[in-house]
Amino acid sequence: MSKMRSSNKQDLILGILLLAFSIRMLKSVLYVFEAATPLWVMNIGFAAHLFIGPLLLYYLWGYKNERYTPLLWLHALPGIAVVFLAPFL
């Protein structure tokens, strides 16, 4: 596996951040216009909301040309937990 350049990693994180915003907006549109929105869709939208903060942090961290540390990825744990627990919540 080749190492990604910093700008490629930053572009990837920006793309994932925009995807999280899109999922969040889709959840809100479905909630307003669809009366029977499944609960798991609501939970996935909540998980996307939880990912927006850490992804913005990672993007800005890369913008400052700082190195990513494994400890920095702990900020994404609440979103990951909601994604995996969405069917049970």
Protein backbone atom coordinates (compact mmCIF):
# COMPACT_ATOMS: atom_id res chain seq x y z
CA MET A 1 0.00 0.00 0.00
CA SER A 2 1.49 3.30 -1.02
CA LYS A 3 1.57 6.25 1.29
CA MET A 4 -0.89 8.99 0.49
CA ARG A 5 0.39 12.50 0.14
CA SER A 6 -0.95 14.98 2.65
CA SER A 7 -3.12 16.77 0.06
CA ASN A 8 -4.64 13.48 -1.12
CA LYS A 9 -5.49 12.53 2.46
CA GLN A 10 -6.93 15.97 3.06
CA ASP A 11 -9.03 15.71 -0.12
CA LEU A 12 -10.32 12.31 1.01
CA ILE A 13 -11.30 13.68 4.41
CA LEU A 14 -13.05 16.64 2.76
CA GLY A 15 -14.98 14.23 0.54
CA ILE A 16 -16.05 12.14 3.54
CA LEU A 17 -17.04 15.34 5.37
CA LEU A 18 -19.26 16.40 2.46
CA LEU A 19 -20.75 12.89 2.38
CA ALA A 20 -21.57 13.17 6.10
CA PHE A 21 -23.31 16.52 5.46
CA SER A 22 -25.25 14.94 2.58
CA ILE A 23 -26.39 11.98 4.70
CA ARG A 24 -27.48 14.35 7.45
CA MET A 25 -29.50 16.46 5.01
CA LEU A 26 -31.04 13.36 3.41
CA LYS A 27 -32.14 12.15 6.84
CA SER A 28 -33.79 15.48 7.56
CA VAL A 29 -35.58 15.55 4.19
CA LEU A 30 -36.85 12.00 4.69
CA TYR A 31 -38.05 12.90 8.19
CA VAL A 32 -40.02 15.90 6.94
CA PHE A 33 -41.55 14.40 3.79
CA GLU A 34 -41.90 10.70 4.65
CA ALA A 35 -44.23 9.86 7.51
CA ALA A 36 -42.91 6.36 8.10
CA THR A 37 -39.16 6.96 8.24
CA PRO A 38 -37.48 3.87 9.73
CA LEU A 39 -35.66 4.33 13.01
CA TRP A 40 -32.38 3.04 11.57
CA VAL A 41 -32.42 5.90 9.02
CA MET A 42 -32.76 8.35 11.88
CA ASN A 43 -29.84 6.71 13.69
CA ILE A 44 -27.61 6.77 10.59
CA GLY A 45 -28.38 10.50 10.26
CA PHE A 46 -27.43 10.97 13.90
CA ALA A 47 -24.17 9.07 13.28
CA ALA A 48 -23.42 11.37 10.33
CA HIS A 49 -24.00 14.30 12.68
CA LEU A 50 -21.48 12.78 15.09
CA PHE A 51 -18.90 12.38 12.32
CA ILE A 52 -19.07 16.01 11.13
CA GLY A 53 -17.13 17.44 14.09
CA PRO A 54 -14.21 14.98 14.02
CA LEU A 55 -13.95 15.13 10.22
CA LEU A 56 -13.81 18.91 10.33
CA LEU A 57 -11.11 18.62 12.98
CA TYR A 58 -9.11 16.19 10.79
CA TYR A 59 -9.50 18.43 7.75
CA LEU A 60 -8.31 21.53 9.58
CA TRP A 61 -5.51 19.54 11.21
CA GLY A 62 -4.29 18.49 7.76
CA TYR A 63 -4.70 22.04 6.47
CA LYS A 64 -2.19 23.18 9.07
CA ASN A 65 0.17 20.45 7.77
CA GLU A 66 0.19 18.68 11.11
CA ARG A 67 0.79 14.95 11.28
CA TYR A 68 -2.17 12.70 11.99
CA THR A 69 -1.73 10.62 15.11
CA PRO A 70 -3.66 7.44 15.92
CA LEU A 71 -4.92 9.08 19.11
CA LEU A 72 -6.63 11.75 16.99
CA TRP A 73 -8.94 9.11 15.49
CA LEU A 74 -10.50 8.48 18.92
CA HIS A 75 -12.77 11.46 18.24
CA ALA A 76 -14.67 9.32 15.71
CA LEU A 77 -15.57 6.56 18.20
CA PRO A 78 -19.04 7.91 19.10
CA GLY A 79 -20.03 8.00 15.42
CA ILE A 80 -18.65 4.51 14.80
CA ALA A 81 -20.53 3.19 17.83
CA VAL A 82 -23.83 4.65 16.60
CA VAL A 83 -23.31 3.18 13.10
CA PHE A 84 -22.82 -0.32 14.48
CA LEU A 85 -25.54 -0.01 17.12
CA ALA A 86 -28.12 1.67 14.82
CA PRO A 87 -30.27 -1.47 14.37
CA PHE A 88 -30.49 -1.90 18.15
CA LEU A 89 -31.14 1.70 19.22
